[in-house]
Amino acid sequence: MIAYRRCIPVLFAALAALLWLPLPAQTADLSIGTASRAGVYYQVGRALCRLINDSDAEHGLRCETQVTGGSIANLRGLRAATMNLAVVQSDWQYHAIQGSGPFQTAGPDTELRALFSVHGEPFTLVARRDANITQLDDLIGQRVNIGNPGSGQRATMEVVMAAKNWTLADFALANELPANQQSMALCHDRVNAMVYTVGHPNDSVAQAVRLCDARLVEVSDRTIDALVDGRPYYAYMEIPGGLYIGNPDPVRTFGVKATLVASAQLEEEAAYTVVRTLFENLERFKTLHPAFAALVVEDMLQDGLSAPLHPGAERYYREQGWLQD
């Protein structure tokens, strides 16, 4: 009896310890690859997950965002099944489907599916005023942040460099900082210029112009004309004047569309729920970031979409009468 009584406190202590053990983390049903927290891709994923997780619909899905290296990393992550949704630039969506560019070795991604496009993303050149950079060709001999490997900004910069017949040796320094570090590098004079393919207004760009009086530089010449004319996923764009302190005039450049893509392995019902939740709450979505304010349904169904529509997305669009046979 004495031994039994001595065991009771031990048993209670063990039971209490078990009750205080942390529960296993719940795995999200939907994992959206975005990019740096400084970019608009992260805001797309965050806003979409917010709508899905707040939805009253009985879909039972839980959504979370992943901070990643950007478009190229996201497309590789979809293929490797480390995520089932991703925000990517329209040009890299095209190359993933074609098995070209950075995907030449891996070949065409036959499992890639499109859901919708989001905002436009101008290729943005930001420079220190004391660097005397007033046009794209002035980057020669300068210290430039070209973006981290795997990011859309880096890949687009490499396209521009190839069109210009530039190599890394043409720069005094080719830095590889991610988007969330580049503006401070500019302000601390570690680089003279940075490039960013991003929707506007953008926090990283705003930080650069606010803290070190940087300016946006036009990206438009005969080489860029040929680049845009020869590729269906590029278009000339304009960054409106007055978005950033000290930059009152519109800036002409070129750019792409941000697009939401998925793996064909994502269940049809899950893709349907994502698309339905977005479009049923589109007006709310448009208030969650200034880059979303001008979204138009018709453009979102077609602009920048090279991959086949996911069956879940196609089903919703047909129900709404937005797609015709």
Protein backbone atom coordinates (compact mmCIF):
# COMPACT_ATOMS: atom_id res chain seq x y z
CA MET A 1 0.00 0.00 0.00
CA ILE A 2 2.86 2.38 0.89
CA ALA A 3 4.53 1.74 -2.47
CA TYR A 4 1.23 2.38 -4.27
CA ARG A 5 0.75 5.73 -2.45
CA ARG A 6 4.27 6.77 -3.35
CA CYS A 7 3.53 6.10 -7.03
CA ILE A 8 0.47 8.34 -7.14
CA PRO A 9 2.36 11.70 -7.06
CA VAL A 10 4.76 10.39 -9.66
CA LEU A 11 1.87 9.40 -11.94
CA PHE A 12 0.22 12.81 -11.53
CA ALA A 13 3.48 14.59 -12.27
CA ALA A 14 3.98 12.53 -15.41
CA LEU A 15 0.42 13.21 -16.55
CA ALA A 16 0.83 16.95 -15.95
CA ALA A 17 4.03 16.97 -17.95
CA LEU A 18 2.27 15.29 -20.86
CA LEU A 19 -0.54 17.83 -20.77
CA TRP A 20 1.97 20.68 -21.02
CA LEU A 21 3.78 19.23 -24.01
CA PRO A 22 3.29 21.41 -27.14
CA LEU A 23 0.89 20.01 -29.68
CA PRO A 24 2.33 19.09 -33.08
CA ALA A 25 2.20 22.00 -35.52
CA GLN A 26 -0.70 21.82 -37.93
CA THR A 27 0.40 21.40 -41.51
CA ALA A 28 -1.16 23.96 -43.83
CA ASP A 29 -3.28 22.61 -46.68
CA LEU A 30 -2.20 25.54 -48.87
CA SER A 31 1.36 26.82 -48.87
CA ILE A 32 2.00 29.86 -51.07
CA GLY A 33 5.58 30.58 -52.13
CA THR A 34 6.11 34.34 -52.24
CA ALA A 35 9.48 36.14 -52.02
CA SER A 36 11.12 38.57 -49.57
CA ARG A 37 8.89 40.24 -46.98
CA ALA A 38 9.94 43.55 -48.55
CA GLY A 39 8.20 42.75 -51.84
CA VAL A 40 4.60 42.75 -53.05
CA TYR A 41 4.62 38.97 -53.65
CA TYR A 42 4.63 38.46 -49.91
CA GLN A 43 1.66 40.83 -49.65
CA VAL A 44 -0.20 38.85 -52.34
CA GLY A 45 0.28 35.61 -50.42
CA ARG A 46 -0.49 37.20 -47.09
CA ALA A 47 -3.67 38.86 -48.36
CA LEU A 48 -4.90 35.72 -50.10
CA CYS A 49 -4.25 33.54 -47.06
CA ARG A 50 -6.03 36.09 -44.92
CA LEU A 51 -9.14 35.84 -47.09
CA ILE A 52 -9.02 32.05 -47.13
CA ASN A 53 -8.40 31.68 -43.39
CA ASP A 54 -11.08 34.27 -42.53
CA SER A 55 -13.64 32.80 -44.91
CA ASP A 56 -16.92 31.57 -43.47
CA ALA A 57 -17.11 28.89 -46.16
CA GLU A 58 -16.92 25.33 -44.89
CA HIS A 59 -13.89 24.46 -46.98
CA GLY A 60 -11.74 23.46 -44.01
CA LEU A 61 -8.56 24.74 -45.67
CA ARG A 62 -5.72 26.44 -43.84
CA CYS A 63 -3.37 28.70 -45.80
CA GLU A 64 0.13 29.99 -45.02
CA THR A 65 2.81 31.93 -46.88
CA GLN A 66 6.41 30.94 -47.44
CA VAL A 67 9.19 33.51 -47.65
CA THR A 68 11.39 32.40 -50.57
CA GLY A 69 14.07 33.54 -52.98
CA GLY A 70 11.45 34.63 -55.53
CA SER A 71 9.96 33.47 -58.84
CA ILE A 72 12.62 31.01 -59.98
CA ALA A 73 12.86 29.44 -56.54
CA ASN A 74 9.06 29.22 -56.38
CA LEU A 75 8.74 27.45 -59.72
CA ARG A 76 11.40 24.96 -58.68
CA GLY A 77 9.63 24.53 -55.35
CA LEU A 78 6.34 23.72 -57.10
CA ARG A 79 8.09 21.09 -59.20
CA ALA A 80 9.73 19.62 -56.09
CA ALA A 81 6.38 19.69 -54.20
CA THR A 82 7.72 21.87 -51.37
CA MET A 83 4.72 24.17 -51.93
CA ASN A 84 1.47 23.84 -53.87
CA LEU A 85 0.85 27.48 -54.83
CA ALA A 86 3.26 30.25 -55.79
CA VAL A 87 3.41 33.85 -56.97
CA VAL A 88 5.72 34.16 -59.99
CA GLN A 89 6.57 36.60 -62.74
CA SER A 90 4.78 35.96 -66.04
CA ASP A 91 8.06 35.63 -67.95
CA TRP A 92 9.36 32.84 -65.70
CA GLN A 93 6.00 31.11 -65.85
CA TYR A 94 6.44 31.09 -69.64
CA HIS A 95 9.99 29.74 -69.43
CA ALA A 96 8.96 27.01 -66.96
CA ILE A 97 6.25 25.81 -69.37
CA GLN A 98 8.61 25.95 -72.34
CA GLY A 99 11.59 24.43 -70.52
CA SER A 100 13.71 27.39 -71.61
CA GLY A 101 15.97 29.92 -69.90
CA PRO A 102 16.79 28.83 -66.35
CA PHE A 103 14.60 25.71 -66.80
CA GLN A 104 16.38 24.37 -69.88
CA THR A 105 18.15 21.60 -67.96
CA ALA A 106 15.00 20.51 -66.09
CA GLY A 107 12.84 20.68 -69.23
CA PRO A 108 9.18 21.78 -69.55
CA ASP A 109 7.11 21.62 -66.37
CA THR A 110 4.07 19.72 -67.62
CA GLU A 111 2.48 19.91 -64.15
CA LEU A 112 2.42 23.72 -63.93
CA ARG A 113 -1.06 25.27 -63.88
CA ALA A 114 -2.23 28.90 -63.84
CA LEU A 115 -4.94 30.37 -61.62
CA PHE A 116 -4.95 34.13 -62.28
CA SER A 117 -2.69 37.15 -62.69
CA VAL A 118 -2.42 40.00 -60.25
CA HIS A 119 -0.64 43.35 -60.53
CA GLY A 120 1.82 44.66 -63.08
CA GLU A 121 5.51 44.62 -62.14
CA PRO A 122 7.73 47.24 -63.73
CA PHE A 123 11.47 46.59 -63.94
CA THR A 124 12.61 49.35 -61.62
CA LEU A 125 16.02 51.00 -61.61
CA VAL A 126 16.79 53.06 -58.49
CA ALA A 127 20.03 55.03 -58.22
CA ARG A 128 21.88 57.36 -55.88
CA ARG A 129 21.75 60.90 -57.24
CA ASP A 130 25.48 61.39 -56.74
CA ALA A 131 26.18 58.41 -59.03
CA ASN A 132 24.98 60.41 -62.10
CA ILE A 133 22.94 57.50 -63.43
CA THR A 134 20.27 58.96 -65.73
CA GLN A 135 19.81 56.06 -68.18
CA LEU A 136 20.30 52.30 -68.31
CA ASP A 137 23.69 52.46 -70.03
CA ASP A 138 25.07 54.52 -67.15
CA LEU A 139 25.21 51.33 -65.06
CA ILE A 140 28.46 50.39 -66.80
CA GLY A 141 31.34 50.74 -64.33
CA GLN A 142 28.97 51.22 -61.37
CA ARG A 143 28.35 49.20 -58.21
CA VAL A 144 24.96 47.56 -58.81
CA ASN A 145 22.79 45.22 -56.76
CA ILE A 146 21.55 42.71 -59.34
CA GLY A 147 19.49 40.62 -56.89
CA ASN A 148 19.88 37.26 -55.20
CA PRO A 149 20.10 34.08 -57.29
CA GLY A 150 16.65 32.52 -57.68
CA SER A 151 14.81 35.83 -57.58
CA GLY A 152 12.79 37.29 -60.43
CA GLN A 153 14.69 40.57 -60.22
CA ARG A 154 18.00 38.75 -60.73
CA ALA A 155 16.69 36.70 -63.63
CA THR A 156 15.20 39.75 -65.36
CA MET A 157 18.43 41.68 -64.86
CA GLU A 158 20.29 38.81 -66.52
CA VAL A 159 17.91 39.08 -69.50
CA VAL A 160 18.64 42.82 -69.73
CA MET A 161 22.37 42.14 -69.47
CA ALA A 162 22.21 39.55 -72.25
CA ALA A 163 20.29 41.98 -74.48
CA LYS A 164 22.96 44.60 -73.79
CA ASN A 165 25.82 42.10 -74.22
CA TRP A 166 26.95 42.93 -70.71
CA THR A 167 28.75 40.62 -68.29
CA LEU A 168 29.35 40.99 -64.56
CA ALA A 169 32.79 42.34 -65.41
CA ASP A 170 31.12 45.44 -66.86
CA PHE A 171 30.20 46.55 -63.32
CA ALA A 172 32.60 47.78 -60.70
CA LEU A 173 30.68 45.49 -58.34
CA ALA A 174 27.75 43.13 -58.92
CA ASN A 175 26.12 42.67 -55.54
CA GLU A 176 23.64 39.83 -54.87
CA LEU A 177 21.64 41.14 -51.94
CA PRO A 178 17.96 40.15 -51.56
CA ALA A 179 15.27 42.79 -51.84
CA ASN A 180 14.95 43.38 -48.10
CA GLN A 181 18.61 44.47 -47.84
CA GLN A 182 19.24 46.41 -51.02
CA SER A 183 17.85 49.83 -50.11
CA MET A 184 20.06 50.14 -47.03
CA ALA A 185 23.06 49.04 -49.11
CA LEU A 186 22.22 51.89 -51.48
CA CYS A 187 21.88 54.39 -48.64
CA HIS A 188 25.15 53.25 -47.04
CA ASP A 189 26.92 53.74 -50.40
CA ARG A 190 27.81 50.07 -50.79
CA VAL A 191 26.09 50.16 -54.19
CA ASN A 192 25.23 53.02 -56.55
CA ALA A 193 22.10 51.43 -57.98
CA MET A 194 19.64 48.61 -57.47
CA VAL A 195 17.16 46.89 -59.77
CA TYR A 196 13.83 45.44 -58.72
CA THR A 197 10.96 43.86 -60.67
CA VAL A 198 8.08 44.74 -58.39
CA GLY A 199 4.64 46.28 -58.07
CA HIS A 200 4.32 49.87 -56.88
CA PRO A 201 4.27 51.51 -54.44
CA ASN A 202 6.93 49.35 -52.81
CA ASP A 203 8.43 49.65 -49.33
CA SER A 204 12.00 48.91 -50.42
CA VAL A 205 11.92 51.60 -53.11
CA ALA A 206 10.18 54.04 -50.75
CA GLN A 207 12.87 53.46 -48.14
CA ALA A 208 15.63 54.22 -50.65
CA VAL A 209 14.10 57.49 -51.82
CA ARG A 210 13.11 58.56 -48.31
CA LEU A 211 16.39 57.84 -46.53
CA CYS A 212 18.95 58.69 -49.21
CA ASP A 213 17.14 60.80 -51.79
CA ALA A 214 17.43 58.13 -54.50
CA ARG A 215 15.73 58.53 -57.85
CA LEU A 216 13.94 56.24 -60.28
CA VAL A 217 15.63 55.99 -63.69
CA GLU A 218 13.97 55.38 -67.06
CA VAL A 219 14.63 51.99 -68.68
CA SER A 220 13.85 52.60 -72.32
CA ASP A 221 16.06 52.45 -75.40
CA ARG A 222 16.38 50.54 -78.68
CA THR A 223 17.66 47.42 -76.94
CA ILE A 224 14.68 47.37 -74.59
CA ASP A 225 12.34 48.02 -77.56
CA ALA A 226 13.65 44.86 -79.23
CA LEU A 227 13.38 42.94 -75.95
CA VAL A 228 9.73 43.90 -75.46
CA ASP A 229 8.72 43.45 -79.10
CA GLY A 230 10.17 39.95 -79.25
CA ARG A 231 8.56 38.52 -76.10
CA PRO A 232 4.81 38.26 -75.44
CA TYR A 233 5.22 38.29 -71.66
CA TYR A 234 6.88 41.74 -71.59
CA ALA A 235 5.18 45.10 -72.04
CA TYR A 236 6.13 48.73 -71.61
CA MET A 237 4.87 50.15 -68.34
CA GLU A 238 4.93 53.46 -66.53
CA ILE A 239 5.62 54.04 -62.86
CA PRO A 240 3.34 56.98 -61.96
CA GLY A 241 4.93 60.23 -60.87
CA GLY A 242 4.48 61.32 -57.30
CA LEU A 243 4.43 57.83 -55.76
CA TYR A 244 7.77 58.48 -54.13
CA ILE A 245 9.26 61.57 -52.47
CA GLY A 246 11.44 63.57 -54.85
CA ASN A 247 10.25 61.67 -57.93
CA PRO A 248 7.40 63.79 -59.33
CA ASP A 249 7.54 62.61 -62.95
CA PRO A 250 6.31 59.30 -64.46
CA VAL A 251 9.09 56.85 -65.33
CA ARG A 252 8.93 54.71 -68.47
CA THR A 253 10.19 51.16 -68.21
CA PHE A 254 9.09 47.64 -69.13
CA GLY A 255 7.72 44.84 -67.02
CA VAL A 256 5.77 41.67 -66.42
CA LYS A 257 2.69 40.51 -64.54
CA ALA A 258 2.64 38.82 -61.16
CA THR A 259 0.74 35.53 -61.50
CA LEU A 260 -0.54 32.87 -59.14
CA VAL A 261 0.30 29.35 -60.26
CA ALA A 262 -0.10 25.87 -58.82
CA SER A 263 0.91 22.30 -59.34
CA ALA A 264 -1.50 20.05 -61.21
CA GLN A 265 -1.30 17.89 -58.08
CA LEU A 266 -3.28 20.48 -56.14
CA GLU A 267 -6.78 19.05 -55.75
CA GLU A 268 -9.42 20.59 -58.00
CA GLU A 269 -11.64 21.52 -55.05
CA ALA A 270 -8.76 23.32 -53.31
CA ALA A 271 -7.90 25.35 -56.42
CA TYR A 272 -11.60 26.12 -56.92
CA THR A 273 -11.82 27.38 -53.33
CA VAL A 274 -8.76 29.63 -53.73
CA VAL A 275 -10.11 31.23 -56.90
CA ARG A 276 -13.67 31.55 -55.63
CA THR A 277 -12.53 33.10 -52.34
CA LEU A 278 -10.36 35.65 -54.16
CA PHE A 279 -13.00 36.78 -56.65
CA GLU A 280 -15.88 36.77 -54.17
CA ASN A 281 -13.76 39.08 -52.00
CA LEU A 282 -11.96 40.99 -54.75
CA GLU A 283 -12.99 44.43 -53.51
CA ARG A 284 -11.63 43.63 -50.07
CA PHE A 285 -8.45 42.18 -51.60
CA LYS A 286 -7.91 45.41 -53.54
CA THR A 287 -7.81 47.36 -50.28
CA LEU A 288 -5.04 45.22 -48.76
CA HIS A 289 -2.22 46.80 -50.77
CA PRO A 290 -2.06 49.84 -53.10
CA ALA A 291 -0.62 47.70 -55.93
CA PHE A 292 -3.93 45.77 -56.05
CA ALA A 293 -6.20 48.80 -56.38
CA ALA A 294 -6.48 48.78 -60.18
CA LEU A 295 -7.10 45.04 -60.66
CA VAL A 296 -9.69 44.17 -63.34
CA VAL A 297 -11.30 40.73 -63.55
CA GLU A 298 -10.94 40.42 -67.33
CA ASP A 299 -7.21 41.10 -67.18
CA MET A 300 -6.68 38.70 -64.28
CA LEU A 301 -8.07 35.81 -66.32
CA GLN A 302 -5.69 36.19 -69.24
CA ASP A 303 -2.74 38.57 -68.82
CA GLY A 304 0.57 36.77 -68.38
CA LEU A 305 -0.91 33.27 -68.19
CA SER A 306 1.16 30.86 -70.30
CA ALA A 307 0.41 27.68 -68.35
CA PRO A 308 -2.91 25.86 -68.81
CA LEU A 309 -5.60 26.84 -66.33
CA HIS A 310 -5.93 24.59 -63.32
CA PRO A 311 -9.22 22.61 -63.61
CA GLY A 312 -10.44 24.15 -60.34
CA ALA A 313 -9.91 27.67 -61.68
CA GLU A 314 -11.44 26.82 -65.05
CA ARG A 315 -14.51 25.37 -63.33
CA TYR A 316 -15.11 28.57 -61.36
CA TYR A 317 -14.61 30.82 -64.39
CA ARG A 318 -17.07 28.79 -66.45
CA GLU A 319 -19.65 28.95 -63.65
CA GLN A 320 -19.34 32.73 -63.72
CA GLY A 321 -19.66 32.87 -67.50
CA TRP A 322 -16.16 34.34 -67.83
CA LEU A 323 -14.92 31.54 -70.08
CA GLN A 324 -16.60 30.39 -73.27
CA ASP A 325 -16.12 27.15 -75.19
